[in-house]
């Protein structure tokens, strides 16, 4: 089975119009980017540890007869899925796919806002889960700090189109007005 071919098919869907755009290899293999991606890998591993620990803790509580709300189980599954998707985006960004870096940066900024907002709803989550969600939000904000640092953000700057130039994804640009 051609795994890279399958991943490229997923990239075409996930990457949208920028799916074919890759960052210059010289830039993405420079020390600032490599160091930044190593830091992001470590931070995502921490989030994965939180997520697995939270699921294990919830399973233990359930086993001990505690009834957990469906929203708790749903949120735990979402965090696990989020973490897996962030690792996927990181792996694709390491290969130079700009869209993957963009998604990783966006999610690291948006999901903390969602986590803090939902934690602010009284009684929605048990106290232990509020603490876990806030910890995940804090670590994701650290991911955002690393991804927006000059050494990484400069290399992964948003691609620019010139009027009349071809789209990096291969589609023709609209004619100049």
N, C-alpha and C. Protein backbone atom coordinates (compact mmCIF):
# COMPACT_ATOMS: atom_id res chain seq x y z
N UNK A 1 0.84 -1.18 0.00
CA UNK A 1 0.00 0.00 0.00
C UNK A 1 0.89 1.25 0.00
N UNK A 2 0.56 2.19 -0.83
CA UNK A 2 1.31 3.44 -0.96
C UNK A 2 0.77 4.45 0.04
N UNK A 3 1.40 4.51 1.23
CA UNK A 3 0.94 5.40 2.29
C UNK A 3 1.07 6.86 1.89
N UNK A 4 2.21 7.22 1.29
CA UNK A 4 2.41 8.61 0.89
C UNK A 4 1.36 9.03 -0.14
N UNK A 5 1.00 8.14 -1.06
CA UNK A 5 -0.05 8.45 -2.03
C UNK A 5 -1.38 8.70 -1.36
N UNK A 6 -1.69 7.90 -0.34
CA UNK A 6 -2.92 8.09 0.42
C UNK A 6 -2.88 9.43 1.16
N UNK A 7 -1.74 9.74 1.77
CA UNK A 7 -1.62 11.01 2.48
C UNK A 7 -1.73 12.20 1.53
N UNK A 8 -1.19 12.07 0.34
CA UNK A 8 -1.32 13.15 -0.65
C UNK A 8 -2.78 13.37 -1.05
N UNK A 9 -3.55 12.28 -1.12
CA UNK A 9 -4.98 12.42 -1.42
C UNK A 9 -5.68 13.16 -0.28
N UNK A 10 -5.34 12.83 0.95
CA UNK A 10 -5.91 13.54 2.10
C UNK A 10 -5.46 15.00 2.05
N UNK A 11 -4.20 15.23 1.71
CA UNK A 11 -3.68 16.60 1.61
C UNK A 11 -4.49 17.44 0.63
N UNK A 12 -4.86 16.85 -0.49
CA UNK A 12 -5.61 17.61 -1.51
C UNK A 12 -6.95 18.09 -0.95
N UNK A 13 -7.57 17.27 -0.11
CA UNK A 13 -8.84 17.67 0.50
C UNK A 13 -8.59 18.65 1.64
N UNK A 14 -7.67 18.31 2.53
CA UNK A 14 -7.43 19.13 3.72
C UNK A 14 -6.77 20.46 3.38
N UNK A 15 -5.95 20.47 2.33
CA UNK A 15 -5.20 21.67 1.99
C UNK A 15 -5.94 22.69 1.17
N UNK A 16 -7.07 22.30 0.60
CA UNK A 16 -7.83 23.26 -0.20
C UNK A 16 -7.01 23.79 -1.36
N UNK A 17 -7.18 25.07 -1.65
CA UNK A 17 -6.51 25.65 -2.82
C UNK A 17 -5.00 25.72 -2.67
N UNK A 18 -4.48 25.61 -1.45
CA UNK A 18 -3.04 25.67 -1.22
C UNK A 18 -2.43 24.27 -1.06
N UNK A 19 -3.16 23.24 -1.39
CA UNK A 19 -2.71 21.87 -1.16
C UNK A 19 -1.39 21.56 -1.86
N UNK A 20 -1.12 22.16 -2.99
CA UNK A 20 0.09 21.84 -3.75
C UNK A 20 1.29 22.72 -3.39
N UNK A 21 1.07 23.74 -2.56
CA UNK A 21 2.15 24.67 -2.26
C UNK A 21 3.06 24.11 -1.17
N UNK A 22 4.35 24.06 -1.48
CA UNK A 22 5.35 23.61 -0.50
C UNK A 22 6.32 24.74 -0.20
N UNK A 23 6.74 24.78 1.03
CA UNK A 23 7.73 25.75 1.49
C UNK A 23 9.10 25.30 1.00
N UNK A 24 9.94 26.27 0.70
CA UNK A 24 11.28 26.00 0.23
C UNK A 24 12.02 25.07 1.19
N UNK A 25 12.67 24.05 0.64
CA UNK A 25 13.37 23.05 1.46
C UNK A 25 14.49 23.66 2.28
N UNK A 26 15.20 24.62 1.72
CA UNK A 26 16.30 25.24 2.46
C UNK A 26 15.77 25.89 3.74
N UNK A 27 14.66 26.60 3.63
CA UNK A 27 14.08 27.25 4.81
C UNK A 27 13.56 26.26 5.83
N UNK A 28 12.86 25.25 5.38
CA UNK A 28 12.24 24.33 6.33
C UNK A 28 13.23 23.37 6.97
N UNK A 29 14.43 23.27 6.43
CA UNK A 29 15.44 22.41 7.05
C UNK A 29 16.46 23.23 7.85
N UNK A 30 16.20 24.53 7.98
CA UNK A 30 17.07 25.38 8.79
C UNK A 30 16.84 25.13 10.27
N UNK A 31 17.84 25.44 11.06
CA UNK A 31 17.78 25.16 12.50
C UNK A 31 16.60 25.80 13.22
N UNK A 32 16.21 27.06 12.92
CA UNK A 32 15.06 27.63 13.65
C UNK A 32 13.77 26.81 13.44
N UNK A 33 13.54 26.36 12.22
CA UNK A 33 12.33 25.58 11.94
C UNK A 33 12.43 24.20 12.57
N UNK A 34 13.57 23.56 12.41
CA UNK A 34 13.74 22.23 13.00
C UNK A 34 13.58 22.28 14.53
N UNK A 35 14.17 23.28 15.16
CA UNK A 35 14.05 23.44 16.61
C UNK A 35 12.59 23.70 16.99
N UNK A 36 11.92 24.57 16.23
CA UNK A 36 10.52 24.87 16.50
C UNK A 36 9.64 23.64 16.38
N UNK A 37 9.86 22.84 15.35
CA UNK A 37 9.05 21.63 15.18
C UNK A 37 9.36 20.57 16.24
N UNK A 38 10.61 20.53 16.71
CA UNK A 38 10.92 19.62 17.83
C UNK A 38 10.17 20.06 19.09
N UNK A 39 10.12 21.36 19.32
CA UNK A 39 9.38 21.88 20.48
C UNK A 39 7.89 21.58 20.35
N UNK A 40 7.35 21.77 19.16
CA UNK A 40 5.92 21.49 18.94
C UNK A 40 5.65 20.00 19.14
N UNK A 41 6.54 19.14 18.68
CA UNK A 41 6.37 17.70 18.88
C UNK A 41 6.29 17.38 20.36
N UNK A 42 7.18 17.95 21.14
CA UNK A 42 7.18 17.72 22.59
C UNK A 42 5.89 18.23 23.22
N UNK A 43 5.46 19.41 22.82
CA UNK A 43 4.22 19.98 23.37
C UNK A 43 3.00 19.14 22.99
N UNK A 44 2.97 18.65 21.77
CA UNK A 44 1.84 17.79 21.36
C UNK A 44 1.88 16.46 22.12
N UNK A 45 3.07 15.97 22.42
CA UNK A 45 3.18 14.74 23.22
C UNK A 45 2.62 14.97 24.63
N UNK A 46 2.84 16.16 25.17
CA UNK A 46 2.27 16.50 26.48
C UNK A 46 0.74 16.49 26.39
N UNK A 47 0.21 17.08 25.33
CA UNK A 47 -1.25 17.10 25.15
C UNK A 47 -1.78 15.68 25.00
N UNK A 48 -1.07 14.85 24.25
CA UNK A 48 -1.49 13.46 24.10
C UNK A 48 -1.49 12.76 25.46
N UNK A 49 -0.48 13.04 26.28
CA UNK A 49 -0.45 12.48 27.64
C UNK A 49 -1.65 12.93 28.46
N UNK A 50 -1.98 14.22 28.37
CA UNK A 50 -3.18 14.71 29.06
C UNK A 50 -4.43 13.98 28.57
N UNK A 51 -4.54 13.84 27.25
CA UNK A 51 -5.74 13.24 26.66
C UNK A 51 -5.87 11.77 27.07
N UNK A 52 -4.79 11.03 26.97
CA UNK A 52 -4.83 9.61 27.35
C UNK A 52 -5.09 9.48 28.85
N UNK A 53 -4.43 10.33 29.63
CA UNK A 53 -4.65 10.31 31.08
C UNK A 53 -6.08 10.64 31.45
N UNK A 54 -6.67 11.59 30.74
CA UNK A 54 -8.06 11.96 31.02
C UNK A 54 -9.02 10.83 30.67
N UNK A 55 -8.78 10.16 29.54
CA UNK A 55 -9.63 9.03 29.17
C UNK A 55 -9.47 7.90 30.20
N UNK A 56 -8.24 7.62 30.58
CA UNK A 56 -7.99 6.57 31.58
C UNK A 56 -8.65 6.93 32.91
N UNK A 57 -8.52 8.19 33.31
CA UNK A 57 -9.15 8.63 34.55
C UNK A 57 -10.66 8.53 34.49
N UNK A 58 -11.24 8.92 33.36
CA UNK A 58 -12.69 8.83 33.20
C UNK A 58 -13.14 7.37 33.22
N UNK A 59 -12.38 6.50 32.57
CA UNK A 59 -12.73 5.07 32.58
C UNK A 59 -12.66 4.51 33.99
N UNK A 60 -11.66 4.92 34.75
CA UNK A 60 -11.52 4.47 36.14
C UNK A 60 -12.69 4.97 36.98
N UNK A 61 -13.05 6.23 36.81
CA UNK A 61 -14.20 6.79 37.54
C UNK A 61 -15.49 6.03 37.18
N UNK A 62 -15.64 5.74 35.90
CA UNK A 62 -16.82 4.99 35.45
C UNK A 62 -16.84 3.59 36.07
N UNK A 63 -15.66 2.97 36.10
CA UNK A 63 -15.52 1.63 36.66
C UNK A 63 -15.85 1.62 38.15
N UNK A 64 -15.59 2.72 38.82
CA UNK A 64 -15.88 2.84 40.25
C UNK A 64 -17.33 3.23 40.53
N UNK A 65 -18.13 3.32 39.46
CA UNK A 65 -19.55 3.60 39.64
C UNK A 65 -19.94 5.05 39.48
N UNK A 66 -19.00 5.92 39.15
CA UNK A 66 -19.34 7.33 38.92
C UNK A 66 -19.96 7.48 37.53
N UNK A 67 -21.03 8.22 37.48
CA UNK A 67 -21.70 8.44 36.20
C UNK A 67 -21.16 9.73 35.58
N UNK A 68 -20.57 9.60 34.40
CA UNK A 68 -20.04 10.76 33.69
C UNK A 68 -21.00 11.15 32.57
N UNK A 69 -21.21 12.43 32.44
CA UNK A 69 -22.13 12.93 31.41
C UNK A 69 -21.61 12.62 30.01
N UNK A 70 -22.51 12.51 29.08
CA UNK A 70 -22.15 12.25 27.69
C UNK A 70 -21.23 13.34 27.15
N UNK A 71 -21.44 14.59 27.57
CA UNK A 71 -20.61 15.69 27.10
C UNK A 71 -19.16 15.49 27.52
N UNK A 72 -18.94 14.86 28.67
CA UNK A 72 -17.56 14.60 29.13
C UNK A 72 -16.90 13.60 28.20
N UNK A 73 -17.60 12.50 27.94
CA UNK A 73 -17.03 11.48 27.03
C UNK A 73 -16.82 12.05 25.64
N UNK A 74 -17.78 12.84 25.18
CA UNK A 74 -17.66 13.45 23.85
C UNK A 74 -16.45 14.37 23.76
N UNK A 75 -16.26 15.17 24.79
CA UNK A 75 -15.12 16.10 24.79
C UNK A 75 -13.79 15.34 24.84
N UNK A 76 -13.75 14.25 25.60
CA UNK A 76 -12.54 13.43 25.66
C UNK A 76 -12.19 12.86 24.28
N UNK A 77 -13.20 12.40 23.57
CA UNK A 77 -12.98 11.86 22.22
C UNK A 77 -12.51 12.98 21.29
N UNK A 78 -13.11 14.16 21.41
CA UNK A 78 -12.72 15.30 20.57
C UNK A 78 -11.25 15.66 20.82
N UNK A 79 -10.84 15.69 22.07
CA UNK A 79 -9.45 16.05 22.38
C UNK A 79 -8.48 15.01 21.82
N UNK A 80 -8.83 13.73 21.92
CA UNK A 80 -7.98 12.70 21.31
C UNK A 80 -7.91 12.87 19.80
N UNK A 81 -9.05 13.11 19.17
CA UNK A 81 -9.08 13.33 17.72
C UNK A 81 -8.31 14.57 17.32
N UNK A 82 -8.45 15.63 18.10
CA UNK A 82 -7.71 16.87 17.85
C UNK A 82 -6.21 16.61 17.91
N UNK A 83 -5.80 15.88 18.92
CA UNK A 83 -4.38 15.62 19.08
C UNK A 83 -3.83 14.82 17.91
N UNK A 84 -4.56 13.82 17.48
CA UNK A 84 -4.13 13.03 16.32
C UNK A 84 -4.04 13.91 15.08
N UNK A 85 -5.03 14.77 14.87
CA UNK A 85 -5.00 15.64 13.70
C UNK A 85 -3.83 16.63 13.77
N UNK A 86 -3.52 17.12 14.97
CA UNK A 86 -2.40 18.04 15.11
C UNK A 86 -1.07 17.35 14.79
N UNK A 87 -0.93 16.09 15.20
CA UNK A 87 0.28 15.34 14.84
C UNK A 87 0.35 15.15 13.32
N UNK A 88 -0.81 14.91 12.69
CA UNK A 88 -0.83 14.76 11.22
C UNK A 88 -0.40 16.08 10.57
N UNK A 89 -0.98 17.19 11.01
CA UNK A 89 -0.61 18.49 10.45
C UNK A 89 0.88 18.76 10.65
N UNK A 90 1.39 18.42 11.82
CA UNK A 90 2.82 18.63 12.10
C UNK A 90 3.68 17.80 11.15
N UNK A 91 3.30 16.55 10.95
CA UNK A 91 4.11 15.70 10.06
C UNK A 91 4.10 16.23 8.63
N UNK A 92 2.99 16.75 8.19
CA UNK A 92 2.90 17.29 6.83
C UNK A 92 3.62 18.64 6.74
N UNK A 93 3.54 19.46 7.79
CA UNK A 93 4.25 20.74 7.80
C UNK A 93 5.76 20.50 7.76
N UNK A 94 6.23 19.48 8.45
CA UNK A 94 7.66 19.15 8.41
C UNK A 94 8.12 18.82 6.99
N UNK A 95 7.21 18.30 6.19
CA UNK A 95 7.54 17.99 4.80
C UNK A 95 7.38 19.21 3.90
N UNK A 96 7.00 20.34 4.49
CA UNK A 96 6.95 21.58 3.74
C UNK A 96 5.58 22.01 3.25
N UNK A 97 4.54 21.30 3.60
CA UNK A 97 3.20 21.67 3.13
C UNK A 97 2.72 22.88 3.94
N UNK A 98 2.58 24.02 3.26
CA UNK A 98 2.17 25.25 3.93
C UNK A 98 0.80 25.12 4.56
N UNK A 99 -0.13 24.48 3.87
CA UNK A 99 -1.49 24.35 4.39
C UNK A 99 -1.48 23.67 5.76
N UNK A 100 -0.61 22.68 5.96
CA UNK A 100 -0.57 21.94 7.22
C UNK A 100 -0.06 22.83 8.36
N UNK A 101 0.96 23.62 8.07
CA UNK A 101 1.45 24.59 9.05
C UNK A 101 0.32 25.56 9.40
N UNK A 102 -0.38 26.02 8.38
CA UNK A 102 -1.46 26.98 8.58
C UNK A 102 -2.56 26.41 9.48
N UNK A 103 -2.94 25.16 9.23
CA UNK A 103 -3.98 24.51 10.06
C UNK A 103 -3.47 24.32 11.49
N UNK A 104 -2.24 23.89 11.63
CA UNK A 104 -1.66 23.68 12.96
C UNK A 104 -1.65 24.99 13.75
N UNK A 105 -1.24 26.05 13.09
CA UNK A 105 -1.21 27.36 13.75
C UNK A 105 -2.62 27.82 14.11
N UNK A 106 -3.56 27.67 13.18
CA UNK A 106 -4.94 28.08 13.42
C UNK A 106 -5.56 27.31 14.59
N UNK A 107 -5.42 25.98 14.58
CA UNK A 107 -6.01 25.17 15.64
C UNK A 107 -5.37 25.49 16.99
N UNK A 108 -4.07 25.80 17.00
CA UNK A 108 -3.42 26.09 18.27
C UNK A 108 -3.89 27.43 18.85
N UNK A 109 -4.53 28.24 18.05
CA UNK A 109 -5.09 29.51 18.52
C UNK A 109 -6.58 29.41 18.82
N UNK A 110 -7.31 28.64 18.01
CA UNK A 110 -8.76 28.57 18.15
C UNK A 110 -9.19 27.63 19.28
N UNK A 111 -8.59 26.47 19.36
CA UNK A 111 -9.04 25.49 20.35
C UNK A 111 -8.86 25.95 21.80
N UNK A 112 -7.82 26.71 22.14
CA UNK A 112 -7.77 27.22 23.52
C UNK A 112 -8.96 28.14 23.84
N UNK A 113 -9.37 28.93 22.87
CA UNK A 113 -10.53 29.81 23.09
C UNK A 113 -11.78 28.97 23.34
N UNK A 114 -11.96 27.92 22.54
CA UNK A 114 -13.12 27.03 22.71
C UNK A 114 -13.05 26.35 24.07
N UNK A 115 -11.87 25.86 24.44
CA UNK A 115 -11.72 25.17 25.73
C UNK A 115 -12.05 26.09 26.90
N UNK A 116 -11.49 27.28 26.89
CA UNK A 116 -11.73 28.22 27.99
C UNK A 116 -13.21 28.62 28.03
N UNK A 117 -13.81 28.83 26.87
CA UNK A 117 -15.22 29.22 26.82
C UNK A 117 -16.11 28.12 27.38
N UNK A 118 -15.87 26.87 26.97
CA UNK A 118 -16.71 25.78 27.47
C UNK A 118 -16.45 25.52 28.96
N UNK A 119 -15.23 25.73 29.41
CA UNK A 119 -14.93 25.55 30.84
C UNK A 119 -15.63 26.61 31.69
N UNK A 120 -15.94 27.74 31.09
CA UNK A 120 -16.60 28.82 31.83
C UNK A 120 -18.10 28.55 32.04
N UNK A 121 -18.64 27.54 31.36
CA UNK A 121 -20.06 27.21 31.53
C UNK A 121 -20.20 26.41 32.83
N UNK A 122 -20.90 26.97 33.80
CA UNK A 122 -21.00 26.30 35.11
C UNK A 122 -21.62 24.90 35.00
N UNK A 123 -20.94 23.94 35.61
CA UNK A 123 -21.47 22.57 35.70
C UNK A 123 -21.35 21.73 34.45
N UNK A 124 -20.79 22.27 33.38
CA UNK A 124 -20.70 21.49 32.14
C UNK A 124 -19.74 20.32 32.31
N UNK A 125 -18.58 20.58 32.89
CA UNK A 125 -17.57 19.55 33.09
C UNK A 125 -17.29 19.40 34.58
N UNK A 126 -16.86 18.20 34.98
CA UNK A 126 -16.40 18.06 36.36
C UNK A 126 -15.12 18.88 36.57
N UNK A 127 -14.81 19.18 37.81
CA UNK A 127 -13.67 20.04 38.12
C UNK A 127 -12.35 19.51 37.55
N UNK A 128 -12.14 18.19 37.63
CA UNK A 128 -10.89 17.61 37.13
C UNK A 128 -10.75 17.84 35.63
N UNK A 129 -11.89 17.83 34.92
CA UNK A 129 -11.85 18.01 33.47
C UNK A 129 -11.61 19.49 33.12
N UNK A 130 -12.14 20.39 33.91
CA UNK A 130 -11.88 21.82 33.69
C UNK A 130 -10.39 22.07 33.80
N UNK A 131 -9.76 21.50 34.81
CA UNK A 131 -8.31 21.66 34.98
C UNK A 131 -7.57 21.07 33.79
N UNK A 132 -7.98 19.89 33.34
CA UNK A 132 -7.33 19.24 32.18
C UNK A 132 -7.50 20.07 30.92
N UNK A 133 -8.70 20.60 30.70
CA UNK A 133 -8.97 21.41 29.51
C UNK A 133 -8.16 22.71 29.53
N UNK A 134 -8.05 23.33 30.68
CA UNK A 134 -7.26 24.55 30.79
C UNK A 134 -5.77 24.27 30.59
N UNK A 135 -5.31 23.11 31.06
CA UNK A 135 -3.91 22.73 30.83
C UNK A 135 -3.65 22.50 29.35
N UNK A 136 -4.58 21.81 28.67
CA UNK A 136 -4.44 21.59 27.23
C UNK A 136 -4.44 22.94 26.50
N UNK A 137 -5.32 23.84 26.90
CA UNK A 137 -5.38 25.16 26.27
C UNK A 137 -4.05 25.90 26.43
N UNK A 138 -3.47 25.83 27.63
CA UNK A 138 -2.20 26.51 27.88
C UNK A 138 -1.09 25.93 27.00
N UNK A 139 -1.05 24.62 26.88
CA UNK A 139 -0.01 23.99 26.06
C UNK A 139 -0.23 24.33 24.58
N UNK A 140 -1.48 24.37 24.14
CA UNK A 140 -1.74 24.75 22.75
C UNK A 140 -1.32 26.20 22.48
N UNK A 141 -1.48 27.05 23.45
CA UNK A 141 -1.01 28.43 23.27
C UNK A 141 0.51 28.47 23.16
N UNK A 142 1.20 27.60 23.87
CA UNK A 142 2.65 27.50 23.71
C UNK A 142 3.01 27.03 22.31
N UNK A 143 2.21 26.11 21.77
CA UNK A 143 2.41 25.67 20.38
C UNK A 143 2.27 26.87 19.45
N UNK A 144 1.25 27.69 19.68
CA UNK A 144 1.04 28.89 18.85
C UNK A 144 2.23 29.84 18.95
N UNK A 145 2.77 30.00 20.15
CA UNK A 145 3.93 30.88 20.33
C UNK A 145 5.11 30.38 19.50
N UNK A 146 5.36 29.08 19.54
CA UNK A 146 6.47 28.51 18.77
C UNK A 146 6.22 28.70 17.27
N UNK A 147 5.00 28.40 16.82
CA UNK A 147 4.70 28.47 15.38
C UNK A 147 4.72 29.90 14.85
N UNK A 148 4.45 30.86 15.69
CA UNK A 148 4.45 32.26 15.24
C UNK A 148 5.77 32.96 15.54
N UNK A 149 6.74 32.23 16.07
CA UNK A 149 8.05 32.82 16.31
C UNK A 149 8.67 33.19 14.96
N UNK A 150 9.48 34.23 14.92
CA UNK A 150 10.03 34.70 13.63
C UNK A 150 10.77 33.61 12.85
N UNK A 151 11.50 32.75 13.52
CA UNK A 151 12.27 31.72 12.82
C UNK A 151 11.41 30.73 12.05
N UNK A 152 10.21 30.48 12.55
CA UNK A 152 9.29 29.54 11.88
C UNK A 152 8.33 30.31 10.96
N UNK A 153 7.74 31.37 11.48
CA UNK A 153 6.71 32.09 10.73
C UNK A 153 7.25 32.73 9.46
N UNK A 154 8.50 33.15 9.46
CA UNK A 154 9.08 33.74 8.26
C UNK A 154 9.19 32.71 7.14
N UNK A 155 9.62 31.52 7.48
CA UNK A 155 9.76 30.46 6.48
C UNK A 155 8.40 30.00 5.98
N UNK A 156 7.42 29.94 6.89
CA UNK A 156 6.08 29.47 6.54
C UNK A 156 5.12 30.63 6.34
N UNK A 157 5.60 31.73 5.79
CA UNK A 157 4.74 32.89 5.52
C UNK A 157 3.68 32.53 4.49
N UNK A 158 2.54 33.17 4.61
CA UNK A 158 1.44 32.90 3.67
C UNK A 158 1.91 33.17 2.25
N UNK A 159 1.66 32.24 1.34
CA UNK A 159 2.05 32.45 -0.06
C UNK A 159 1.30 33.64 -0.66
N UNK A 160 1.98 34.38 -1.48
CA UNK A 160 1.37 35.55 -2.13
C UNK A 160 1.14 35.25 -3.60
N UNK A 161 0.02 35.71 -4.11
CA UNK A 161 -0.25 35.60 -5.55
C UNK A 161 -0.13 36.96 -6.18
N UNK A 162 0.51 37.01 -7.30
CA UNK A 162 0.56 38.25 -8.08
C UNK A 162 -0.64 38.27 -9.03
N UNK A 163 -1.18 39.44 -9.35
CA UNK A 163 -2.28 39.49 -10.31
C UNK A 163 -1.87 38.82 -11.63
N UNK A 164 -2.69 37.92 -12.08
CA UNK A 164 -2.43 37.21 -13.34
C UNK A 164 -1.51 36.02 -13.19
N UNK A 165 -0.93 35.80 -12.01
CA UNK A 165 -0.03 34.66 -11.80
C UNK A 165 -0.84 33.40 -11.54
N UNK A 166 -0.23 32.29 -11.81
CA UNK A 166 -0.90 31.00 -11.54
C UNK A 166 -0.99 30.78 -10.04
N UNK A 167 -2.09 30.16 -9.62
CA UNK A 167 -2.29 29.79 -8.24
C UNK A 167 -1.30 28.68 -7.89
N UNK A 168 -0.71 28.69 -6.68
CA UNK A 168 0.22 27.64 -6.31
C UNK A 168 -0.38 26.25 -6.41
N UNK A 169 -1.71 26.15 -6.32
CA UNK A 169 -2.35 24.85 -6.43
C UNK A 169 -2.55 24.44 -7.88
N UNK A 170 -2.19 25.31 -8.80
CA UNK A 170 -2.25 24.95 -10.21
C UNK A 170 -3.39 25.58 -10.99
N UNK A 171 -4.35 26.21 -10.30
CA UNK A 171 -5.47 26.84 -11.00
C UNK A 171 -5.05 28.22 -11.51
N UNK A 172 -5.61 28.62 -12.59
CA UNK A 172 -5.29 29.94 -13.15
C UNK A 172 -5.86 31.02 -12.26
N UNK A 173 -5.11 32.08 -12.08
CA UNK A 173 -5.58 33.21 -11.29
C UNK A 173 -6.59 34.01 -12.09
N UNK A 174 -7.50 34.71 -11.40
CA UNK A 174 -8.45 35.55 -12.13
C UNK A 174 -7.70 36.68 -12.83
N UNK A 175 -8.21 37.14 -13.95
CA UNK A 175 -7.53 38.23 -14.66
C UNK A 175 -7.56 39.50 -13.81
N UNK A 176 -6.52 40.33 -13.97
CA UNK A 176 -6.49 41.58 -13.20
C UNK A 176 -7.67 42.47 -13.59
N UNK A 177 -8.18 43.23 -12.61
CA UNK A 177 -9.33 44.09 -12.84
C UNK A 177 -8.97 45.32 -13.59
